[in-house]
């Protein structure tokens, strides 16, 4: 079964891979945020939101 374009993007995007790795390294208790069109206005908004979450988490710890 071939993956859809967005699913493939979310799995293979280098920036998102790096964010997932940083999420694990920081030991964030919450699961990594899932992408959905209802919550984000696109992949750029998704990346920006995750980046802000990571920055906030780093500042708190």
PDB file of N, CA and C in Angstrom:
ATOM      1  N   UNK A   1       0.852  -1.181   0.000  1.00  0.00           N
ATOM      2  CA  UNK A   1       0.000   0.000   0.000  1.00  0.00           C
ATOM      3  C   UNK A   1       0.899   1.246   0.000  1.00  0.00           C
ATOM      4  N   UNK A   2       0.668   2.126  -0.918  1.00  0.00           N
ATOM      5  CA  UNK A   2       1.463   3.338  -1.038  1.00  0.00           C
ATOM      6  C   UNK A   2       0.953   4.398  -0.067  1.00  0.00           C
ATOM      7  N   UNK A   3       1.897   5.071   0.593  1.00  0.00           N
ATOM      8  CA  UNK A   3       1.515   6.106   1.552  1.00  0.00           C
ATOM      9  C   UNK A   3       1.135   7.385   0.824  1.00  0.00           C
ATOM     10  N   UNK A   4       0.216   8.133   1.419  1.00  0.00           N
ATOM     11  CA  UNK A   4      -0.186   9.397   0.825  1.00  0.00           C
ATOM     12  C   UNK A   4       0.964  10.388   0.898  1.00  0.00           C
ATOM     13  N   UNK A   5       0.877  11.448   0.132  1.00  0.00           N
ATOM     14  CA  UNK A   5       1.924  12.454   0.095  1.00  0.00           C
ATOM     15  C   UNK A   5       2.207  13.073   1.444  1.00  0.00           C
ATOM     16  N   UNK A   6       1.168  13.406   2.186  1.00  0.00           N
ATOM     17  CA  UNK A   6       1.366  14.062   3.479  1.00  0.00           C
ATOM     18  C   UNK A   6       1.986  13.087   4.477  1.00  0.00           C
ATOM     19  N   UNK A   7       1.550  11.839   4.469  1.00  0.00           N
ATOM     20  CA  UNK A   7       2.108  10.851   5.392  1.00  0.00           C
ATOM     21  C   UNK A   7       3.588  10.626   5.098  1.00  0.00           C
ATOM     22  N   UNK A   8       3.925  10.544   3.833  1.00  0.00           N
ATOM     23  CA  UNK A   8       5.323  10.373   3.445  1.00  0.00           C
ATOM     24  C   UNK A   8       6.141  11.593   3.876  1.00  0.00           C
ATOM     25  N   UNK A   9       5.601  12.769   3.657  1.00  0.00           N
ATOM     26  CA  UNK A   9       6.284  14.003   4.061  1.00  0.00           C
ATOM     27  C   UNK A   9       6.541  14.018   5.563  1.00  0.00           C
ATOM     28  N   UNK A  10       5.518  13.689   6.352  1.00  0.00           N
ATOM     29  CA  UNK A  10       5.646  13.730   7.803  1.00  0.00           C
ATOM     30  C   UNK A  10       6.689  12.729   8.306  1.00  0.00           C
ATOM     31  N   UNK A  11       6.856  11.626   7.606  1.00  0.00           N
ATOM     32  CA  UNK A  11       7.834  10.615   8.006  1.00  0.00           C
ATOM     33  C   UNK A  11       9.249  10.932   7.533  1.00  0.00           C
ATOM     34  N   UNK A  12       9.378  11.606   6.406  1.00  0.00           N
ATOM     35  CA  UNK A  12      10.698  11.759   5.796  1.00  0.00           C
ATOM     36  C   UNK A  12      11.297  13.161   5.897  1.00  0.00           C
ATOM     37  N   UNK A  13      10.528  14.146   6.307  1.00  0.00           N
ATOM     38  CA  UNK A  13      11.038  15.513   6.390  1.00  0.00           C
ATOM     39  C   UNK A  13      12.154  15.591   7.438  1.00  0.00           C
ATOM     40  N   UNK A  14      13.317  16.052   7.021  1.00  0.00           N
ATOM     41  CA  UNK A  14      14.500  16.108   7.890  1.00  0.00           C
ATOM     42  C   UNK A  14      14.268  16.999   9.112  1.00  0.00           C
ATOM     43  N   UNK A  15      13.640  18.139   8.908  1.00  0.00           N
ATOM     44  CA  UNK A  15      13.385  19.052  10.023  1.00  0.00           C
ATOM     45  C   UNK A  15      12.483  18.394  11.078  1.00  0.00           C
ATOM     46  N   UNK A  16      11.455  17.697  10.624  1.00  0.00           N
ATOM     47  CA  UNK A  16      10.566  17.008  11.560  1.00  0.00           C
ATOM     48  C   UNK A  16      11.280  15.844  12.251  1.00  0.00           C
ATOM     49  N   UNK A  17      12.129  15.144  11.527  1.00  0.00           N
ATOM     50  CA  UNK A  17      12.911  14.065  12.133  1.00  0.00           C
ATOM     51  C   UNK A  17      13.787  14.620  13.246  1.00  0.00           C
ATOM     52  N   UNK A  18      14.423  15.761  12.984  1.00  0.00           N
ATOM     53  CA  UNK A  18      15.269  16.399  13.995  1.00  0.00           C
ATOM     54  C   UNK A  18      14.452  16.835  15.203  1.00  0.00           C
ATOM     55  N   UNK A  19      13.251  17.346  14.963  1.00  0.00           N
ATOM     56  CA  UNK A  19      12.388  17.777  16.063  1.00  0.00           C
ATOM     57  C   UNK A  19      11.953  16.581  16.903  1.00  0.00           C
ATOM     58  N   UNK A  20      11.636  15.463  16.246  1.00  0.00           N
ATOM     59  CA  UNK A  20      11.259  14.258  16.993  1.00  0.00           C
ATOM     60  C   UNK A  20      12.417  13.777  17.869  1.00  0.00           C
ATOM     61  N   UNK A  21      13.608  13.816  17.316  1.00  0.00           N
ATOM     62  CA  UNK A  21      14.796  13.397  18.066  1.00  0.00           C
ATOM     63  C   UNK A  21      15.026  14.325  19.259  1.00  0.00           C
ATOM     64  N   UNK A  22      14.909  15.615  19.053  1.00  0.00           N
ATOM     65  CA  UNK A  22      15.082  16.584  20.142  1.00  0.00           C
ATOM     66  C   UNK A  22      14.012  16.376  21.206  1.00  0.00           C
ATOM     67  N   UNK A  23      12.780  16.082  20.777  1.00  0.00           N
ATOM     68  CA  UNK A  23      11.666  15.817  21.687  1.00  0.00           C
ATOM     69  C   UNK A  23      12.036  14.667  22.625  1.00  0.00           C
ATOM     70  N   UNK A  24      12.610  13.603  22.041  1.00  0.00           N
ATOM     71  CA  UNK A  24      13.032  12.445  22.839  1.00  0.00           C
ATOM     72  C   UNK A  24      14.194  12.803  23.753  1.00  0.00           C
ATOM     73  N   UNK A  25      15.177  13.524  23.222  1.00  0.00           N
ATOM     74  CA  UNK A  25      16.360  13.894  24.006  1.00  0.00           C
ATOM     75  C   UNK A  25      15.994  14.743  25.211  1.00  0.00           C
ATOM     76  N   UNK A  26      15.016  15.620  25.043  1.00  0.00           N
ATOM     77  CA  UNK A  26      14.586  16.489  26.138  1.00  0.00           C
ATOM     78  C   UNK A  26      13.711  15.747  27.142  1.00  0.00           C
ATOM     79  N   UNK A  27      13.255  14.555  26.775  1.00  0.00           N
ATOM     80  CA  UNK A  27      12.432  13.767  27.686  1.00  0.00           C
ATOM     81  C   UNK A  27      11.055  14.349  27.922  1.00  0.00           C
ATOM     82  N   UNK A  28      10.481  14.951  26.880  1.00  0.00           N
ATOM     83  CA  UNK A  28       9.142  15.524  27.003  1.00  0.00           C
ATOM     84  C   UNK A  28       8.161  14.389  27.307  1.00  0.00           C
ATOM     85  N   UNK A  29       7.359  14.566  28.354  1.00  0.00           N
ATOM     86  CA  UNK A  29       6.424  13.523  28.789  1.00  0.00           C
ATOM     87  C   UNK A  29       5.264  13.315  27.825  1.00  0.00           C
ATOM     88  N   UNK A  30       4.861  14.364  27.160  1.00  0.00           N
ATOM     89  CA  UNK A  30       3.723  14.283  26.238  1.00  0.00           C
ATOM     90  C   UNK A  30       4.163  13.636  24.926  1.00  0.00           C
ATOM     91  N   UNK A  31       3.244  12.925  24.261  1.00  0.00           N
ATOM     92  CA  UNK A  31       3.591  12.370  22.951  1.00  0.00           C
ATOM     93  C   UNK A  31       3.847  13.484  21.937  1.00  0.00           C
ATOM     94  N   UNK A  32       4.680  13.195  20.948  1.00  0.00           N
ATOM     95  CA  UNK A  32       4.950  14.160  19.880  1.00  0.00           C
ATOM     96  C   UNK A  32       3.633  14.494  19.198  1.00  0.00           C
ATOM     97  N   UNK A  33       3.351  15.779  18.979  1.00  0.00           N
ATOM     98  CA  UNK A  33       2.062  16.183  18.392  1.00  0.00           C
ATOM     99  C   UNK A  33       1.825  15.567  17.011  1.00  0.00           C
ATOM    100  N   UNK A  34       0.624  15.100  16.814  1.00  0.00           N
ATOM    101  CA  UNK A  34       0.230  14.558  15.520  1.00  0.00           C
ATOM    102  C   UNK A  34      -0.261  15.687  14.625  1.00  0.00           C
ATOM    103  N   UNK A  35      -0.070  15.527  13.329  1.00  0.00           N
ATOM    104  CA  UNK A  35      -0.540  16.522  12.372  1.00  0.00           C
ATOM    105  C   UNK A  35      -2.000  16.255  12.027  1.00  0.00           C
ATOM    106  N   UNK A  36      -2.793  17.319  11.989  1.00  0.00           N
ATOM    107  CA  UNK A  36      -4.143  17.217  11.439  1.00  0.00           C
ATOM    108  C   UNK A  36      -4.537  18.576  10.867  1.00  0.00           C
ATOM    109  N   UNK A  37      -5.328  18.517   9.821  1.00  0.00           N
ATOM    110  CA  UNK A  37      -5.710  19.743   9.110  1.00  0.00           C
ATOM    111  C   UNK A  37      -6.638  20.637   9.926  1.00  0.00           C
ATOM    112  N   UNK A  38      -7.323  20.070  10.924  1.00  0.00           N
ATOM    113  CA  UNK A  38      -8.216  20.880  11.749  1.00  0.00           C
ATOM    114  C   UNK A  38      -7.458  21.781  12.716  1.00  0.00           C
ATOM    115  N   UNK A  39      -6.267  21.356  13.091  1.00  0.00           N
ATOM    116  CA  UNK A  39      -5.504  22.094  14.095  1.00  0.00           C
ATOM    117  C   UNK A  39      -4.435  23.012  13.500  1.00  0.00           C
ATOM    118  N   UNK A  40      -3.874  22.628  12.369  1.00  0.00           N
ATOM    119  CA  UNK A  40      -2.789  23.393  11.747  1.00  0.00           C
ATOM    120  C   UNK A  40      -3.198  23.846  10.350  1.00  0.00           C
ATOM    121  N   UNK A  41      -2.690  24.997   9.949  1.00  0.00           N
ATOM    122  CA  UNK A  41      -3.047  25.529   8.627  1.00  0.00           C
ATOM    123  C   UNK A  41      -2.113  25.027   7.536  1.00  0.00           C
ATOM    124  N   UNK A  42      -1.317  24.036   7.842  1.00  0.00           N
ATOM    125  CA  UNK A  42      -0.404  23.432   6.877  1.00  0.00           C
ATOM    126  C   UNK A  42       0.836  22.921   7.589  1.00  0.00           C
ATOM    127  N   UNK A  43       1.742  22.357   6.825  1.00  0.00           N
ATOM    128  CA  UNK A  43       2.931  21.776   7.436  1.00  0.00           C
ATOM    129  C   UNK A  43       3.858  22.833   8.033  1.00  0.00           C
ATOM    130  N   UNK A  44       3.886  24.008   7.452  1.00  0.00           N
ATOM    131  CA  UNK A  44       4.728  25.079   8.011  1.00  0.00           C
ATOM    132  C   UNK A  44       4.229  25.489   9.393  1.00  0.00           C
ATOM    133  N   UNK A  45       2.917  25.615   9.531  1.00  0.00           N
ATOM    134  CA  UNK A  45       2.317  25.954  10.823  1.00  0.00           C
ATOM    135  C   UNK A  45       2.591  24.840  11.835  1.00  0.00           C
ATOM    136  N   UNK A  46       2.504  23.607  11.402  1.00  0.00           N
ATOM    137  CA  UNK A  46       2.784  22.442  12.245  1.00  0.00           C
ATOM    138  C   UNK A  46       4.220  22.499  12.768  1.00  0.00           C
ATOM    139  N   UNK A  47       5.173  22.708  11.876  1.00  0.00           N
ATOM    140  CA  UNK A  47       6.585  22.792  12.262  1.00  0.00           C
ATOM    141  C   UNK A  47       6.828  23.967  13.213  1.00  0.00           C
ATOM    142  N   UNK A  48       6.219  25.088  12.920  1.00  0.00           N
ATOM    143  CA  UNK A  48       6.388  26.282  13.759  1.00  0.00           C
ATOM    144  C   UNK A  48       5.847  26.032  15.164  1.00  0.00           C
ATOM    145  N   UNK A  49       4.703  25.385  15.255  1.00  0.00           N
ATOM    146  CA  UNK A  49       4.098  25.082  16.547  1.00  0.00           C
ATOM    147  C   UNK A  49       4.987  24.144  17.358  1.00  0.00           C
ATOM    148  N   UNK A  50       5.509  23.106  16.718  1.00  0.00           N
ATOM    149  CA  UNK A  50       6.376  22.163  17.415  1.00  0.00           C
ATOM    150  C   UNK A  50       7.660  22.851  17.860  1.00  0.00           C
ATOM    151  N   UNK A  51       8.196  23.691  17.009  1.00  0.00           N
ATOM    152  CA  UNK A  51       9.406  24.430  17.361  1.00  0.00           C
ATOM    153  C   UNK A  51       9.180  25.286  18.604  1.00  0.00           C
ATOM    154  N   UNK A  52       8.041  25.955  18.678  1.00  0.00           N
ATOM    155  CA  UNK A  52       7.713  26.772  19.843  1.00  0.00           C
ATOM    156  C   UNK A  52       7.562  25.906  21.090  1.00  0.00           C
ATOM    157  N   UNK A  53       6.927  24.741  20.944  1.00  0.00           N
ATOM    158  CA  UNK A  53       6.770  23.834  22.079  1.00  0.00           C
ATOM    159  C   UNK A  53       8.133  23.379  22.604  1.00  0.00           C
ATOM    160  N   UNK A  54       9.042  23.053  21.689  1.00  0.00           N
ATOM    161  CA  UNK A  54      10.382  22.636  22.086  1.00  0.00           C
ATOM    162  C   UNK A  54      11.134  23.773  22.789  1.00  0.00           C
ATOM    163  N   UNK A  55      11.025  24.980  22.250  1.00  0.00           N
ATOM    164  CA  UNK A  55      11.669  26.137  22.874  1.00  0.00           C
ATOM    165  C   UNK A  55      11.127  26.377  24.282  1.00  0.00           C
ATOM    166  N   UNK A  56       9.807  26.313  24.419  1.00  0.00           N
ATOM    167  CA  UNK A  56       9.187  26.503  25.730  1.00  0.00           C
ATOM    168  C   UNK A  56       9.640  25.439  26.708  1.00  0.00           C
ATOM    169  N   UNK A  57       9.709  24.207  26.256  1.00  0.00           N
ATOM    170  CA  UNK A  57      10.133  23.131  27.127  1.00  0.00           C
ATOM    171  C   UNK A  57      11.577  23.316  27.582  1.00  0.00           C
ATOM    172  N   UNK A  58      12.443  23.722  26.656  1.00  0.00           N
ATOM    173  CA  UNK A  58      13.843  23.974  26.999  1.00  0.00           C
ATOM    174  C   UNK A  58      13.982  25.091  28.024  1.00  0.00           C
ATOM    175  N   UNK A  59      13.189  26.128  27.896  1.00  0.00           N
ATOM    176  CA  UNK A  59      13.257  27.271  28.821  1.00  0.00           C
ATOM    177  C   UNK A  59      12.810  26.876  30.221  1.00  0.00           C
ATOM    178  N   UNK A  60      11.849  25.953  30.316  1.00  0.00           N
ATOM    179  CA  UNK A  60      11.338  25.531  31.610  1.00  0.00           C
ATOM    180  C   UNK A  60      12.294  24.601  32.336  1.00  0.00           C
ATOM    181  N   UNK A  61      13.171  23.945  31.598  1.00  0.00           N
ATOM    182  CA  UNK A  61      14.061  22.948  32.226  1.00  0.00           C
ATOM    183  C   UNK A  61      15.499  23.346  32.180  1.00  0.00           C
TER     184      UNK A  61
END
